[in-house]
Amino acid sequence: MNASARAKVNELVQKHQVQGKFAYEFEGPVGPRHSQEWTARALYDGLEFGKGKGSSKEAAKEAAAQVALGPLARQLNLRS
């Protein structure tokens, strides 16, 4: 079983004992009730590292984590 992108981001943040704040922000929902869409932004120290959309907050959060994983890993590796 593959780990979710969110789990990988959490693992990365814990591994590097991140001093800054990592968080998700949400926008939405937008659209009609039967097909609403959420947007999530993955933020580290207030900077956006990923943005994703989904039919639920959880799906949007997973999409944002997937986008943020590479840039966040590069940023944290530069700091360590």
Protein backbone atom coordinates (compact mmCIF):
# COMPACT_ATOMS: atom_id res chain seq x y z
CA MET A 1 0.00 0.00 0.00
CA ASN A 2 1.37 3.43 -0.97
CA ALA A 3 1.43 6.17 1.62
CA SER A 4 -0.70 9.20 0.89
CA ALA A 5 0.97 12.44 -0.10
CA ARG A 6 -0.29 13.95 3.17
CA ALA A 7 1.44 11.19 5.14
CA LYS A 8 4.66 11.77 3.19
CA VAL A 9 4.52 15.52 3.87
CA ASN A 10 3.92 14.87 7.60
CA GLU A 11 6.84 12.44 7.66
CA LEU A 12 9.08 14.98 5.93
CA VAL A 13 8.14 17.73 8.37
CA GLN A 14 8.77 15.45 11.36
CA LYS A 15 12.06 14.13 9.95
CA HIS A 16 13.44 17.63 9.57
CA GLN A 17 12.01 18.79 12.90
CA VAL A 18 10.56 21.79 11.15
CA GLN A 19 10.62 24.96 13.24
CA GLY A 20 8.26 26.85 10.93
CA LYS A 21 4.54 26.33 10.74
CA PHE A 22 3.10 23.94 8.15
CA ALA A 23 -0.63 24.22 7.52
CA TYR A 24 -3.42 23.83 4.99
CA GLU A 25 -5.87 26.60 4.12
CA PHE A 26 -9.18 25.99 2.38
CA GLU A 27 -11.36 27.92 -0.04
CA GLY A 28 -14.83 26.86 -0.99
CA PRO A 29 -16.93 25.12 -1.62
CA VAL A 30 -17.84 26.55 -5.01
CA GLY A 31 -20.32 25.24 -7.52
CA PRO A 32 -23.72 23.63 -7.28
CA ARG A 33 -24.46 21.34 -4.31
CA HIS A 34 -24.25 18.18 -6.40
CA SER A 35 -20.74 18.97 -7.68
CA GLN A 36 -19.00 21.28 -5.24
CA GLU A 37 -15.26 21.85 -5.41
CA TRP A 38 -12.83 22.76 -2.64
CA THR A 39 -9.39 24.31 -3.03
CA ALA A 40 -6.60 23.67 -0.52
CA ARG A 41 -3.27 25.43 -0.20
CA ALA A 42 -0.28 23.80 1.51
CA LEU A 43 1.65 26.48 3.37
CA TYR A 44 5.00 26.48 5.14
CA ASP A 45 5.86 29.65 7.05
CA GLY A 46 3.11 31.42 5.14
CA LEU A 47 4.53 30.53 1.71
CA GLU A 48 2.45 28.41 -0.65
CA PHE A 49 4.14 25.18 -1.69
CA GLY A 50 1.15 23.50 -3.31
CA LYS A 51 -2.43 24.04 -4.33
CA GLY A 52 -5.00 21.38 -5.11
CA LYS A 53 -8.69 20.97 -5.85
CA GLY A 54 -11.11 18.22 -4.98
CA SER A 55 -14.72 17.32 -4.39
CA SER A 56 -14.12 17.36 -0.61
CA LYS A 57 -11.76 19.10 1.79
CA GLU A 58 -9.85 15.84 2.23
CA ALA A 59 -9.44 15.35 -1.54
CA ALA A 60 -8.28 18.94 -1.98
CA LYS A 61 -5.82 18.57 0.90
CA GLU A 62 -4.38 15.38 -0.64
CA ALA A 63 -4.02 17.12 -4.02
CA ALA A 64 -2.25 20.09 -2.43
CA ALA A 65 0.09 17.78 -0.51
CA GLN A 66 0.96 15.94 -3.73
CA VAL A 67 1.95 19.22 -5.40
CA ALA A 68 3.82 20.49 -2.30
CA LEU A 69 5.86 17.36 -1.66
CA GLY A 70 8.72 18.05 -4.10
CA PRO A 71 9.15 21.78 -3.47
CA LEU A 72 8.84 21.35 0.29
CA ALA A 73 11.44 18.55 0.32
CA ARG A 74 13.85 20.76 -1.62
CA GLN A 75 13.24 23.69 0.73
CA LEU A 76 13.76 21.61 3.89
CA ASN A 77 16.87 19.91 2.51
CA LEU A 78 18.37 23.33 1.86
CA ARG A 79 17.79 24.27 5.50
CA SER A 80 19.24 21.12 7.04
